[in-house]
Amino acid sequence: MITTYEFLTTWMRARFSDSDRGAALIEYALLVALIAVVCIIAITALGNNADSKFSEVSSSLG
């Protein structure tokens, strides 16, 4: 039969141990997703600006 001390030590190990590798993996995945979204938004904005500049230059040349 398990004693109160053994139960308490088992519960404390399970509750406060340093097994947060899964949480770190999720945090890294969220960080990569956020960086990807920011890059897509930046590339879209720069692409639209570049397109308007090229159109402006081509109309002034032609």
PDB file of N, CA and C in Angstrom:
ATOM      1  N   MET A   1       0.840  -1.179   0.000  1.00  0.00           N
ATOM      2  CA  MET A   1       0.000   0.000   0.000  1.00  0.00           C
ATOM      3  C   MET A   1       0.887   1.244   0.000  1.00  0.00           C
ATOM      4  N   ILE A   2       0.497   2.236  -0.769  1.00  0.00           N
ATOM      5  CA  ILE A   2       1.287   3.452  -0.902  1.00  0.00           C
ATOM      6  C   ILE A   2       1.049   4.360   0.305  1.00  0.00           C
ATOM      7  N   THR A   3       2.123   4.913   0.796  1.00  0.00           N
ATOM      8  CA  THR A   3       2.003   5.800   1.951  1.00  0.00           C
ATOM      9  C   THR A   3       1.752   7.226   1.486  1.00  0.00           C
ATOM     10  N   THR A   4       1.401   8.056   2.411  1.00  0.00           N
ATOM     11  CA  THR A   4       1.129   9.454   2.097  1.00  0.00           C
ATOM     12  C   THR A   4       2.383  10.150   1.589  1.00  0.00           C
ATOM     13  N   TYR A   5       3.519   9.819   2.157  1.00  0.00           N
ATOM     14  CA  TYR A   5       4.781  10.429   1.729  1.00  0.00           C
ATOM     15  C   TYR A   5       5.104  10.043   0.291  1.00  0.00           C
ATOM     16  N   GLU A   6       4.948   8.780  -0.062  1.00  0.00           N
ATOM     17  CA  GLU A   6       5.223   8.335  -1.429  1.00  0.00           C
ATOM     18  C   GLU A   6       4.250   8.974  -2.409  1.00  0.00           C
ATOM     19  N   PHE A   7       3.001   9.065  -2.012  1.00  0.00           N
ATOM     20  CA  PHE A   7       2.008   9.709  -2.870  1.00  0.00           C
ATOM     21  C   PHE A   7       2.365  11.169  -3.100  1.00  0.00           C
ATOM     22  N   LEU A   8       2.737  11.845  -2.035  1.00  0.00           N
ATOM     23  CA  LEU A   8       3.076  13.263  -2.128  1.00  0.00           C
ATOM     24  C   LEU A   8       4.316  13.489  -2.985  1.00  0.00           C
ATOM     25  N   THR A   9       5.343  12.671  -2.813  1.00  0.00           N
ATOM     26  CA  THR A   9       6.558  12.847  -3.623  1.00  0.00           C
ATOM     27  C   THR A   9       6.289  12.527  -5.087  1.00  0.00           C
ATOM     28  N   THR A  10       5.488  11.525  -5.360  1.00  0.00           N
ATOM     29  CA  THR A  10       5.156  11.199  -6.749  1.00  0.00           C
ATOM     30  C   THR A  10       4.351  12.325  -7.386  1.00  0.00           C
ATOM     31  N   TRP A  11       3.399  12.848  -6.635  1.00  0.00           N
ATOM     32  CA  TRP A  11       2.584  13.944  -7.153  1.00  0.00           C
ATOM     33  C   TRP A  11       3.421  15.192  -7.388  1.00  0.00           C
ATOM     34  N   MET A  12       4.346  15.500  -6.477  1.00  0.00           N
ATOM     35  CA  MET A  12       5.203  16.684  -6.625  1.00  0.00           C
ATOM     36  C   MET A  12       6.116  16.546  -7.844  1.00  0.00           C
ATOM     37  N   ARG A  13       6.666  15.360  -8.056  1.00  0.00           N
ATOM     38  CA  ARG A  13       7.521  15.149  -9.233  1.00  0.00           C
ATOM     39  C   ARG A  13       6.730  15.321 -10.521  1.00  0.00           C
ATOM     40  N   ALA A  14       5.537  14.774 -10.548  1.00  0.00           N
ATOM     41  CA  ALA A  14       4.717  14.875 -11.755  1.00  0.00           C
ATOM     42  C   ALA A  14       4.254  16.309 -11.995  1.00  0.00           C
ATOM     43  N   ARG A  15       3.986  17.016 -10.936  1.00  0.00           N
ATOM     44  CA  ARG A  15       3.444  18.369 -11.065  1.00  0.00           C
ATOM     45  C   ARG A  15       4.507  19.412 -11.380  1.00  0.00           C
ATOM     46  N   PHE A  16       5.661  19.321 -10.766  1.00  0.00           N
ATOM     47  CA  PHE A  16       6.661  20.382 -10.867  1.00  0.00           C
ATOM     48  C   PHE A  16       7.954  19.966 -11.559  1.00  0.00           C
ATOM     49  N   SER A  17       7.936  18.899 -12.297  1.00  0.00           N
ATOM     50  CA  SER A  17       9.168  18.493 -12.978  1.00  0.00           C
ATOM     51  C   SER A  17       9.382  19.365 -14.212  1.00  0.00           C
ATOM     52  N   ASP A  18      10.578  19.319 -14.745  1.00  0.00           N
ATOM     53  CA  ASP A  18      10.939  20.145 -15.900  1.00  0.00           C
ATOM     54  C   ASP A  18      10.691  19.400 -17.203  1.00  0.00           C
ATOM     55  N   SER A  19       9.510  18.954 -17.414  1.00  0.00           N
ATOM     56  CA  SER A  19       9.195  18.251 -18.657  1.00  0.00           C
ATOM     57  C   SER A  19       8.293  19.115 -19.521  1.00  0.00           C
ATOM     58  N   ASP A  20       8.811  20.259 -19.961  1.00  0.00           N
ATOM     59  CA  ASP A  20       8.024  21.172 -20.784  1.00  0.00           C
ATOM     60  C   ASP A  20       8.568  21.247 -22.207  1.00  0.00           C
ATOM     61  N   ARG A  21       9.102  20.149 -22.704  1.00  0.00           N
ATOM     62  CA  ARG A  21       9.632  20.142 -24.066  1.00  0.00           C
ATOM     63  C   ARG A  21       8.521  20.316 -25.083  1.00  0.00           C
ATOM     64  N   GLY A  22       7.357  19.735 -24.839  1.00  0.00           N
ATOM     65  CA  GLY A  22       6.226  19.884 -25.751  1.00  0.00           C
ATOM     66  C   GLY A  22       5.756  21.322 -25.835  1.00  0.00           C
ATOM     67  N   ALA A  23       5.738  22.015 -24.719  1.00  0.00           N
ATOM     68  CA  ALA A  23       5.329  23.422 -24.713  1.00  0.00           C
ATOM     69  C   ALA A  23       6.331  24.273 -25.485  1.00  0.00           C
ATOM     70  N   ALA A  24       7.602  23.974 -25.353  1.00  0.00           N
ATOM     71  CA  ALA A  24       8.615  24.734 -26.085  1.00  0.00           C
ATOM     72  C   ALA A  24       8.464  24.506 -27.589  1.00  0.00           C
ATOM     73  N   LEU A  25       8.153  23.285 -27.985  1.00  0.00           N
ATOM     74  CA  LEU A  25       7.950  22.991 -29.401  1.00  0.00           C
ATOM     75  C   LEU A  25       6.771  23.778 -29.959  1.00  0.00           C
ATOM     76  N   ILE A  26       5.704  23.868 -29.205  1.00  0.00           N
ATOM     77  CA  ILE A  26       4.537  24.638 -29.648  1.00  0.00           C
ATOM     78  C   ILE A  26       4.879  26.119 -29.738  1.00  0.00           C
ATOM     79  N   GLU A  27       5.648  26.618 -28.782  1.00  0.00           N
ATOM     80  CA  GLU A  27       6.045  28.033 -28.835  1.00  0.00           C
ATOM     81  C   GLU A  27       6.897  28.323 -30.063  1.00  0.00           C
ATOM     82  N   TYR A  28       7.818  27.427 -30.393  1.00  0.00           N
ATOM     83  CA  TYR A  28       8.632  27.617 -31.593  1.00  0.00           C
ATOM     84  C   TYR A  28       7.784  27.548 -32.849  1.00  0.00           C
ATOM     85  N   ALA A  29       6.821  26.661 -32.890  1.00  0.00           N
ATOM     86  CA  ALA A  29       5.944  26.558 -34.059  1.00  0.00           C
ATOM     87  C   ALA A  29       5.121  27.829 -34.228  1.00  0.00           C
ATOM     88  N   LEU A  30       4.611  28.377 -33.133  1.00  0.00           N
ATOM     89  CA  LEU A  30       3.864  29.629 -33.215  1.00  0.00           C
ATOM     90  C   LEU A  30       4.751  30.789 -33.652  1.00  0.00           C
ATOM     91  N   LEU A  31       5.990  30.791 -33.181  1.00  0.00           N
ATOM     92  CA  LEU A  31       6.926  31.843 -33.570  1.00  0.00           C
ATOM     93  C   LEU A  31       7.243  31.770 -35.066  1.00  0.00           C
ATOM     94  N   VAL A  32       7.459  30.567 -35.574  1.00  0.00           N
ATOM     95  CA  VAL A  32       7.728  30.395 -37.007  1.00  0.00           C
ATOM     96  C   VAL A  32       6.517  30.803 -37.833  1.00  0.00           C
ATOM     97  N   ALA A  33       5.320  30.462 -37.379  1.00  0.00           N
ATOM     98  CA  ALA A  33       4.108  30.856 -38.098  1.00  0.00           C
ATOM     99  C   ALA A  33       3.946  32.370 -38.115  1.00  0.00           C
ATOM    100  N   LEU A  34       4.237  33.027 -36.996  1.00  0.00           N
ATOM    101  CA  LEU A  34       4.140  34.486 -36.941  1.00  0.00           C
ATOM    102  C   LEU A  34       5.149  35.141 -37.874  1.00  0.00           C
ATOM    103  N   ILE A  35       6.366  34.634 -37.903  1.00  0.00           N
ATOM    104  CA  ILE A  35       7.391  35.177 -38.804  1.00  0.00           C
ATOM    105  C   ILE A  35       6.974  34.985 -40.256  1.00  0.00           C
ATOM    106  N   ALA A  36       6.389  33.832 -40.577  1.00  0.00           N
ATOM    107  CA  ALA A  36       5.938  33.578 -41.948  1.00  0.00           C
ATOM    108  C   ALA A  36       4.835  34.551 -42.352  1.00  0.00           C
ATOM    109  N   VAL A  37       3.907  34.829 -41.459  1.00  0.00           N
ATOM    110  CA  VAL A  37       2.821  35.766 -41.762  1.00  0.00           C
ATOM    111  C   VAL A  37       3.369  37.163 -41.978  1.00  0.00           C
ATOM    112  N   VAL A  38       4.300  37.588 -41.144  1.00  0.00           N
ATOM    113  CA  VAL A  38       4.899  38.920 -41.296  1.00  0.00           C
ATOM    114  C   VAL A  38       5.660  39.017 -42.619  1.00  0.00           C
ATOM    115  N   CYS A  39       6.382  37.967 -42.980  1.00  0.00           N
ATOM    116  CA  CYS A  39       7.113  37.974 -44.256  1.00  0.00           C
ATOM    117  C   CYS A  39       6.160  38.040 -45.447  1.00  0.00           C
ATOM    118  N   ILE A  40       5.071  37.300 -45.398  1.00  0.00           N
ATOM    119  CA  ILE A  40       4.104  37.327 -46.499  1.00  0.00           C
ATOM    120  C   ILE A  40       3.483  38.706 -46.635  1.00  0.00           C
ATOM    121  N   ILE A  41       3.157  39.334 -45.522  1.00  0.00           N
ATOM    122  CA  ILE A  41       2.579  40.681 -45.573  1.00  0.00           C
ATOM    123  C   ILE A  41       3.588  41.683 -46.121  1.00  0.00           C
ATOM    124  N   ALA A  42       4.838  41.583 -45.689  1.00  0.00           N
ATOM    125  CA  ALA A  42       5.875  42.510 -46.166  1.00  0.00           C
ATOM    126  C   ALA A  42       6.136  42.326 -47.657  1.00  0.00           C
ATOM    127  N   ILE A  43       6.217  41.092 -48.105  1.00  0.00           N
ATOM    128  CA  ILE A  43       6.478  40.831 -49.534  1.00  0.00           C
ATOM    129  C   ILE A  43       5.310  41.319 -50.385  1.00  0.00           C
ATOM    130  N   THR A  44       4.091  41.124 -49.903  1.00  0.00           N
ATOM    131  CA  THR A  44       2.923  41.603 -50.647  1.00  0.00           C
ATOM    132  C   THR A  44       2.931  43.121 -50.758  1.00  0.00           C
ATOM    133  N   ALA A  45       3.219  43.796 -49.657  1.00  0.00           N
ATOM    134  CA  ALA A  45       3.245  45.267 -49.679  1.00  0.00           C
ATOM    135  C   ALA A  45       4.365  45.784 -50.580  1.00  0.00           C
ATOM    136  N   LEU A  46       5.548  45.196 -50.465  1.00  0.00           N
ATOM    137  CA  LEU A  46       6.661  45.639 -51.309  1.00  0.00           C
ATOM    138  C   LEU A  46       6.410  45.313 -52.776  1.00  0.00           C
ATOM    139  N   GLY A  47       5.775  44.203 -53.036  1.00  0.00           N
ATOM    140  CA  GLY A  47       5.447  43.843 -54.418  1.00  0.00           C
ATOM    141  C   GLY A  47       4.473  44.819 -55.037  1.00  0.00           C
ATOM    142  N   ASN A  48       3.471  45.226 -54.274  1.00  0.00           N
ATOM    143  CA  ASN A  48       2.510  46.205 -54.791  1.00  0.00           C
ATOM    144  C   ASN A  48       3.181  47.551 -55.029  1.00  0.00           C
ATOM    145  N   ASN A  49       4.053  47.974 -54.131  1.00  0.00           N
ATOM    146  CA  ASN A  49       4.772  49.238 -54.319  1.00  0.00           C
ATOM    147  C   ASN A  49       5.692  49.169 -55.536  1.00  0.00           C
ATOM    148  N   ALA A  50       6.386  48.062 -55.695  1.00  0.00           N
ATOM    149  CA  ALA A  50       7.279  47.915 -56.848  1.00  0.00           C
ATOM    150  C   ALA A  50       6.486  47.885 -58.142  1.00  0.00           C
ATOM    151  N   ASP A  51       5.346  47.239 -58.150  1.00  0.00           N
ATOM    152  CA  ASP A  51       4.511  47.178 -59.350  1.00  0.00           C
ATOM    153  C   ASP A  51       4.032  48.566 -59.752  1.00  0.00           C
ATOM    154  N   SER A  52       3.615  49.358 -58.772  1.00  0.00           N
ATOM    155  CA  SER A  52       3.155  50.711 -59.098  1.00  0.00           C
ATOM    156  C   SER A  52       4.311  51.580 -59.594  1.00  0.00           C
ATOM    157  N   LYS A  53       5.495  51.415 -59.031  1.00  0.00           N
ATOM    158  CA  LYS A  53       6.653  52.198 -59.501  1.00  0.00           C
ATOM    159  C   LYS A  53       7.044  51.808 -60.927  1.00  0.00           C
ATOM    160  N   PHE A  54       7.060  50.490 -61.222  1.00  0.00           N
ATOM    161  CA  PHE A  54       7.386  50.054 -62.579  1.00  0.00           C
ATOM    162  C   PHE A  54       6.347  50.549 -63.581  1.00  0.00           C
ATOM    163  N   SER A  55       5.082  50.552 -63.194  1.00  0.00           N
ATOM    164  CA  SER A  55       4.039  51.060 -64.077  1.00  0.00           C
ATOM    165  C   SER A  55       4.228  52.560 -64.318  1.00  0.00           C
ATOM    166  N   GLU A  56       4.580  53.281 -63.265  1.00  0.00           N
ATOM    167  CA  GLU A  56       4.804  54.719 -63.386  1.00  0.00           C
ATOM    168  C   GLU A  56       5.981  55.017 -64.307  1.00  0.00           C
ATOM    169  N   VAL A  57       7.056  54.267 -64.156  1.00  0.00           N
ATOM    170  CA  VAL A  57       8.233  54.474 -65.000  1.00  0.00           C
ATOM    171  C   VAL A  57       7.928  54.111 -66.456  1.00  0.00           C
ATOM    172  N   SER A  58       7.248  53.015 -66.673  1.00  0.00           N
ATOM    173  CA  SER A  58       6.954  52.593 -68.052  1.00  0.00           C
ATOM    174  C   SER A  58       5.999  53.566 -68.726  1.00  0.00           C
ATOM    175  N   SER A  59       5.063  54.143 -67.996  1.00  0.00           N
ATOM    176  CA  SER A  59       4.159  55.119 -68.617  1.00  0.00           C
ATOM    177  C   SER A  59       4.873  56.431 -68.928  1.00  0.00           C
ATOM    178  N   SER A  60       5.860  56.781 -68.082  1.00  0.00           N
ATOM    179  CA  SER A  60       6.588  58.025 -68.364  1.00  0.00           C
ATOM    180  C   SER A  60       7.571  57.838 -69.524  1.00  0.00           C
ATOM    181  N   LEU A  61       8.063  56.633 -69.745  1.00  0.00           N
ATOM    182  CA  LEU A  61       8.958  56.377 -70.874  1.00  0.00           C
ATOM    183  C   LEU A  61       8.184  56.260 -72.183  1.00  0.00           C
ATOM    184  N   GLY A  62       7.021  55.698 -72.130  1.00  0.00           N
ATOM    185  CA  GLY A  62       6.267  55.434 -73.351  1.00  0.00           C
ATOM    186  C   GLY A  62       5.458  56.580 -73.743  1.00  0.00           C
TER     187      GLY A  62
END
